Amino acid sequence: MISGVHNPNKVKVTILGQVYTIEGDASADYIARVADFVNAKMEDVASNITNASPLQIAILAALNIADELFQIKESEYMATDEIREKTNMLISMLDEGLIGDVFSVSGKSRQHL
């Protein structure tokens, strides 16, 4: 393989009845799936709005996709924050000795280690 050679994938996709050639580093299958996703979003918008131009449909579909992305990121952030809080609480409990001596090597605990 020659260093610096760039071989992007080219994929023909149809979005809202228009054929586009998309070029990218991702696999052809991935590019096609992304295009199918965008097409589905645009068709959904088009089916709910009468007499909308392709530009209006594209903008509304982009807003819907951005909304989904923001919701996912917010949910991810909240989950990460909750995990961080619980981890800190467990660390505090360990520091205060409220959980018990988990690493005890006396009595029956020694046999299970």
N, C-alpha and C. Protein backbone atom coordinates (compact mmCIF):
# COMPACT_ATOMS: atom_id res chain seq x y z
N MET A 1 0.84 -1.18 0.00
CA MET A 1 0.00 0.00 0.00
C MET A 1 0.88 1.24 0.00
N ILE A 2 0.58 2.18 -0.85
CA ILE A 2 1.34 3.42 -0.93
C ILE A 2 0.80 4.40 0.09
N SER A 3 1.70 4.96 0.87
CA SER A 3 1.30 5.91 1.89
C SER A 3 0.69 7.15 1.25
N GLY A 4 -0.39 7.63 1.85
CA GLY A 4 -1.02 8.85 1.37
C GLY A 4 -2.06 8.63 0.28
N VAL A 5 -2.25 7.39 -0.18
CA VAL A 5 -3.26 7.12 -1.20
C VAL A 5 -4.62 7.13 -0.53
N HIS A 6 -5.54 7.84 -1.15
CA HIS A 6 -6.87 8.00 -0.59
C HIS A 6 -7.88 7.38 -1.54
N ASN A 7 -8.57 6.34 -1.11
CA ASN A 7 -9.56 5.66 -1.94
C ASN A 7 -10.94 5.75 -1.31
N PRO A 8 -11.62 6.87 -1.49
CA PRO A 8 -12.95 6.98 -0.90
C PRO A 8 -13.96 6.11 -1.64
N ASN A 9 -15.00 5.73 -0.93
CA ASN A 9 -16.09 4.97 -1.54
C ASN A 9 -17.08 5.93 -2.18
N LYS A 10 -17.58 5.57 -3.34
CA LYS A 10 -18.61 6.35 -4.02
C LYS A 10 -19.87 5.50 -4.05
N VAL A 11 -20.97 6.10 -3.62
CA VAL A 11 -22.24 5.39 -3.55
C VAL A 11 -23.33 6.27 -4.14
N LYS A 12 -24.14 5.69 -5.01
CA LYS A 12 -25.30 6.41 -5.53
C LYS A 12 -26.47 6.14 -4.60
N VAL A 13 -27.09 7.22 -4.13
CA VAL A 13 -28.23 7.10 -3.22
C VAL A 13 -29.37 7.97 -3.75
N THR A 14 -30.56 7.63 -3.33
CA THR A 14 -31.73 8.43 -3.70
C THR A 14 -32.33 9.01 -2.44
N ILE A 15 -32.45 10.33 -2.43
CA ILE A 15 -33.04 11.04 -1.30
C ILE A 15 -34.14 11.93 -1.85
N LEU A 16 -35.34 11.67 -1.40
CA LEU A 16 -36.53 12.41 -1.82
C LEU A 16 -36.65 12.48 -3.34
N GLY A 17 -36.38 11.32 -3.97
CA GLY A 17 -36.54 11.21 -5.41
C GLY A 17 -35.37 11.71 -6.24
N GLN A 18 -34.37 12.28 -5.62
CA GLN A 18 -33.19 12.79 -6.32
C GLN A 18 -32.02 11.82 -6.12
N VAL A 19 -31.28 11.55 -7.18
CA VAL A 19 -30.13 10.66 -7.08
C VAL A 19 -28.88 11.51 -6.83
N TYR A 20 -28.11 11.09 -5.83
CA TYR A 20 -26.87 11.77 -5.47
C TYR A 20 -25.75 10.74 -5.44
N THR A 21 -24.55 11.16 -5.82
CA THR A 21 -23.37 10.34 -5.65
C THR A 21 -22.64 10.87 -4.43
N ILE A 22 -22.55 10.02 -3.42
CA ILE A 22 -21.90 10.40 -2.16
C ILE A 22 -20.53 9.74 -2.12
N GLU A 23 -19.54 10.50 -1.75
CA GLU A 23 -18.17 10.01 -1.66
C GLU A 23 -17.69 10.18 -0.23
N GLY A 24 -17.15 9.10 0.34
CA GLY A 24 -16.66 9.20 1.71
C GLY A 24 -15.74 8.06 2.07
N ASP A 25 -15.10 8.20 3.22
CA ASP A 25 -14.16 7.18 3.70
C ASP A 25 -14.87 5.99 4.34
N ALA A 26 -16.11 6.18 4.75
CA ALA A 26 -16.87 5.10 5.39
C ALA A 26 -17.20 4.03 4.35
N SER A 27 -17.62 2.86 4.84
CA SER A 27 -17.98 1.78 3.92
C SER A 27 -19.20 2.18 3.10
N ALA A 28 -19.32 1.57 1.94
CA ALA A 28 -20.46 1.85 1.06
C ALA A 28 -21.77 1.52 1.77
N ASP A 29 -21.78 0.44 2.54
CA ASP A 29 -22.98 0.05 3.28
C ASP A 29 -23.37 1.13 4.30
N TYR A 30 -22.38 1.65 5.00
CA TYR A 30 -22.65 2.68 6.00
C TYR A 30 -23.20 3.94 5.33
N ILE A 31 -22.59 4.36 4.25
CA ILE A 31 -23.05 5.55 3.53
C ILE A 31 -24.49 5.36 3.07
N ALA A 32 -24.80 4.18 2.55
CA ALA A 32 -26.16 3.88 2.09
C ALA A 32 -27.15 3.91 3.25
N ARG A 33 -26.76 3.37 4.40
CA ARG A 33 -27.66 3.37 5.57
C ARG A 33 -27.92 4.78 6.06
N VAL A 34 -26.89 5.62 6.07
CA VAL A 34 -27.07 7.02 6.48
C VAL A 34 -28.01 7.73 5.51
N ALA A 35 -27.80 7.51 4.23
CA ALA A 35 -28.66 8.12 3.22
C ALA A 35 -30.10 7.64 3.36
N ASP A 36 -30.29 6.35 3.63
CA ASP A 36 -31.64 5.81 3.84
C ASP A 36 -32.30 6.46 5.05
N PHE A 37 -31.53 6.69 6.09
CA PHE A 37 -32.04 7.34 7.30
C PHE A 37 -32.51 8.76 6.97
N VAL A 38 -31.66 9.51 6.27
CA VAL A 38 -32.01 10.88 5.88
C VAL A 38 -33.24 10.88 4.99
N ASN A 39 -33.28 9.97 4.03
CA ASN A 39 -34.42 9.87 3.13
C ASN A 39 -35.71 9.59 3.91
N ALA A 40 -35.65 8.68 4.86
CA ALA A 40 -36.83 8.35 5.67
C ALA A 40 -37.31 9.57 6.46
N LYS A 41 -36.37 10.31 7.02
CA LYS A 41 -36.74 11.52 7.78
C LYS A 41 -37.38 12.55 6.87
N MET A 42 -36.82 12.71 5.68
CA MET A 42 -37.37 13.69 4.75
C MET A 42 -38.74 13.26 4.23
N GLU A 43 -38.91 11.98 3.95
CA GLU A 43 -40.21 11.49 3.50
C GLU A 43 -41.26 11.64 4.60
N ASP A 44 -40.86 11.43 5.84
CA ASP A 44 -41.78 11.60 6.97
C ASP A 44 -42.25 13.05 7.04
N VAL A 45 -41.32 14.00 6.93
CA VAL A 45 -41.68 15.42 6.94
C VAL A 45 -42.58 15.73 5.75
N ALA A 46 -42.21 15.25 4.57
CA ALA A 46 -42.98 15.54 3.35
C ALA A 46 -44.41 15.01 3.44
N SER A 47 -44.58 13.87 4.12
CA SER A 47 -45.92 13.28 4.23
C SER A 47 -46.81 14.06 5.19
N ASN A 48 -46.21 14.87 6.05
CA ASN A 48 -46.98 15.63 7.04
C ASN A 48 -47.20 17.09 6.66
N ILE A 49 -46.57 17.54 5.58
CA ILE A 49 -46.69 18.95 5.18
C ILE A 49 -47.06 18.99 3.70
N THR A 50 -48.14 19.69 3.39
CA THR A 50 -48.53 19.80 1.99
C THR A 50 -47.87 21.01 1.35
N ASN A 51 -47.53 20.87 0.10
CA ASN A 51 -46.95 21.94 -0.71
C ASN A 51 -45.63 22.50 -0.16
N ALA A 52 -44.86 21.69 0.52
CA ALA A 52 -43.56 22.15 1.02
C ALA A 52 -42.51 21.96 -0.07
N SER A 53 -41.60 22.90 -0.16
CA SER A 53 -40.51 22.79 -1.13
C SER A 53 -39.48 21.78 -0.60
N PRO A 54 -38.66 21.24 -1.49
CA PRO A 54 -37.60 20.33 -1.03
C PRO A 54 -36.68 20.99 0.02
N LEU A 55 -36.43 22.28 -0.14
CA LEU A 55 -35.59 22.98 0.84
C LEU A 55 -36.27 23.03 2.21
N GLN A 56 -37.56 23.33 2.24
CA GLN A 56 -38.29 23.35 3.51
C GLN A 56 -38.29 21.97 4.15
N ILE A 57 -38.50 20.95 3.34
CA ILE A 57 -38.49 19.57 3.85
C ILE A 57 -37.12 19.24 4.42
N ALA A 58 -36.06 19.61 3.70
CA ALA A 58 -34.70 19.32 4.16
C ALA A 58 -34.40 20.03 5.47
N ILE A 59 -34.82 21.29 5.58
CA ILE A 59 -34.56 22.05 6.81
C ILE A 59 -35.31 21.45 7.99
N LEU A 60 -36.58 21.11 7.79
CA LEU A 60 -37.36 20.51 8.88
C LEU A 60 -36.82 19.13 9.26
N ALA A 61 -36.41 18.35 8.27
CA ALA A 61 -35.81 17.03 8.56
C ALA A 61 -34.51 17.20 9.32
N ALA A 62 -33.70 18.20 8.93
CA ALA A 62 -32.44 18.46 9.63
C ALA A 62 -32.71 18.86 11.08
N LEU A 63 -33.73 19.67 11.30
CA LEU A 63 -34.09 20.06 12.67
C LEU A 63 -34.54 18.85 13.48
N ASN A 64 -35.32 17.96 12.87
CA ASN A 64 -35.76 16.75 13.57
C ASN A 64 -34.57 15.85 13.93
N ILE A 65 -33.64 15.70 12.99
CA ILE A 65 -32.45 14.88 13.24
C ILE A 65 -31.59 15.52 14.33
N ALA A 66 -31.42 16.84 14.28
CA ALA A 66 -30.65 17.55 15.30
C ALA A 66 -31.31 17.40 16.67
N ASP A 67 -32.64 17.46 16.71
CA ASP A 67 -33.37 17.28 17.97
C ASP A 67 -33.10 15.90 18.55
N GLU A 68 -33.16 14.87 17.71
CA GLU A 68 -32.86 13.51 18.18
C GLU A 68 -31.45 13.42 18.74
N LEU A 69 -30.49 14.01 18.03
CA LEU A 69 -29.10 13.99 18.47
C LEU A 69 -28.94 14.69 19.82
N PHE A 70 -29.55 15.87 19.96
CA PHE A 70 -29.47 16.61 21.22
C PHE A 70 -30.08 15.81 22.36
N GLN A 71 -31.22 15.15 22.12
CA GLN A 71 -31.86 14.36 23.16
C GLN A 71 -30.98 13.19 23.59
N ILE A 72 -30.35 12.54 22.62
CA ILE A 72 -29.46 11.42 22.93
C ILE A 72 -28.26 11.90 23.73
N LYS A 73 -27.67 13.02 23.31
CA LYS A 73 -26.51 13.55 24.04
C LYS A 73 -26.89 13.97 25.45
N GLU A 74 -28.06 14.59 25.61
CA GLU A 74 -28.52 15.00 26.94
C GLU A 74 -28.75 13.79 27.83
N SER A 75 -29.37 12.76 27.27
CA SER A 75 -29.62 11.53 28.02
C SER A 75 -28.30 10.87 28.43
N GLU A 76 -27.34 10.85 27.51
CA GLU A 76 -26.02 10.29 27.78
C GLU A 76 -25.32 11.08 28.89
N TYR A 77 -25.42 12.41 28.82
CA TYR A 77 -24.80 13.27 29.83
C TYR A 77 -25.43 13.00 31.19
N MET A 78 -26.77 12.89 31.23
CA MET A 78 -27.45 12.66 32.50
C MET A 78 -27.07 11.30 33.08
N ALA A 79 -26.96 10.27 32.24
CA ALA A 79 -26.58 8.94 32.70
C ALA A 79 -25.15 8.96 33.24
N THR A 80 -24.25 9.63 32.55
CA THR A 80 -22.86 9.74 33.00
C THR A 80 -22.79 10.47 34.33
N ASP A 81 -23.57 11.53 34.46
CA ASP A 81 -23.60 12.31 35.69
C ASP A 81 -24.13 11.47 36.84
N GLU A 82 -25.17 10.66 36.58
CA GLU A 82 -25.74 9.80 37.62
C GLU A 82 -24.73 8.74 38.05
N ILE A 83 -24.02 8.16 37.11
CA ILE A 83 -22.98 7.16 37.43
C ILE A 83 -21.89 7.80 38.27
N ARG A 84 -21.48 9.01 37.90
CA ARG A 84 -20.45 9.72 38.65
C ARG A 84 -20.91 9.97 40.09
N GLU A 85 -22.17 10.41 40.25
CA GLU A 85 -22.71 10.66 41.59
C GLU A 85 -22.72 9.39 42.43
N LYS A 86 -23.20 8.29 41.86
CA LYS A 86 -23.27 7.03 42.60
C LYS A 86 -21.88 6.51 42.94
N THR A 87 -20.94 6.67 42.02
CA THR A 87 -19.56 6.26 42.28
C THR A 87 -18.98 7.06 43.44
N ASN A 88 -19.19 8.37 43.42
CA ASN A 88 -18.69 9.21 44.51
C ASN A 88 -19.34 8.84 45.84
N MET A 89 -20.64 8.52 45.81
CA MET A 89 -21.34 8.12 47.02
C MET A 89 -20.74 6.81 47.57
N LEU A 90 -20.49 5.84 46.69
CA LEU A 90 -19.89 4.58 47.13
C LEU A 90 -18.49 4.78 47.68
N ILE A 91 -17.72 5.65 47.06
CA ILE A 91 -16.37 5.95 47.55
C ILE A 91 -16.46 6.56 48.94
N SER A 92 -17.40 7.48 49.13
CA SER A 92 -17.59 8.10 50.45
C SER A 92 -17.98 7.07 51.48
N MET A 93 -18.89 6.16 51.10
CA MET A 93 -19.31 5.11 52.03
C MET A 93 -18.13 4.21 52.40
N LEU A 94 -17.30 3.88 51.42
CA LEU A 94 -16.12 3.07 51.71
C LEU A 94 -15.17 3.82 52.64
N ASP A 95 -14.98 5.11 52.35
CA ASP A 95 -14.11 5.92 53.20
C ASP A 95 -14.62 5.99 54.63
N GLU A 96 -15.93 6.02 54.80
CA GLU A 96 -16.52 6.13 56.14
C GLU A 96 -16.70 4.76 56.80
N GLY A 97 -16.44 3.70 56.08
CA GLY A 97 -16.54 2.36 56.64
C GLY A 97 -17.96 1.85 56.76
N LEU A 98 -18.90 2.39 56.02
CA LEU A 98 -20.30 2.00 56.13
C LEU A 98 -20.61 0.71 55.38
N ILE A 99 -19.78 0.32 54.45
CA ILE A 99 -20.04 -0.89 53.69
C ILE A 99 -19.52 -2.12 54.42
N GLY A 100 -18.56 -1.96 55.24
CA GLY A 100 -17.97 -3.09 55.95
C GLY A 100 -16.60 -3.40 55.38
N ASP A 101 -15.91 -4.27 56.03
CA ASP A 101 -14.56 -4.60 55.61
C ASP A 101 -14.63 -5.67 54.52
N VAL A 102 -14.75 -5.25 53.29
CA VAL A 102 -14.88 -6.15 52.15
C VAL A 102 -13.63 -7.00 51.97
N PHE A 103 -12.50 -6.44 52.33
CA PHE A 103 -11.24 -7.14 52.12
C PHE A 103 -10.74 -7.85 53.37
N SER A 104 -11.66 -8.21 54.23
CA SER A 104 -11.29 -8.89 55.47
C SER A 104 -10.66 -10.24 55.15
N VAL A 105 -9.60 -10.57 55.87
CA VAL A 105 -8.94 -11.86 55.67
C VAL A 105 -9.05 -12.72 56.92
N SER A 106 -10.00 -12.42 57.80
CA SER A 106 -10.18 -13.22 59.01
C SER A 106 -11.41 -14.10 58.87
N GLY A 107 -11.46 -15.18 59.59
CA GLY A 107 -12.62 -16.06 59.63
C GLY A 107 -12.93 -16.67 58.28
N LYS A 108 -14.22 -16.79 57.99
CA LYS A 108 -14.68 -17.43 56.75
C LYS A 108 -14.29 -16.64 55.51
N SER A 109 -14.12 -15.34 55.64
CA SER A 109 -13.78 -14.52 54.48
C SER A 109 -12.47 -14.98 53.85
N ARG A 110 -11.53 -15.42 54.70
CA ARG A 110 -10.23 -15.85 54.19
C ARG A 110 -10.40 -17.05 53.26
N GLN A 111 -11.31 -17.96 53.60
CA GLN A 111 -11.51 -19.16 52.79
C GLN A 111 -12.07 -18.84 51.41
N HIS A 112 -12.80 -17.75 51.29
CA HIS A 112 -13.42 -17.40 50.02
C HIS A 112 -12.53 -16.55 49.14
N LEU A 113 -11.42 -16.05 49.64
CA LEU A 113 -10.54 -15.20 48.85
C LEU A 113 -9.69 -15.98 47.95
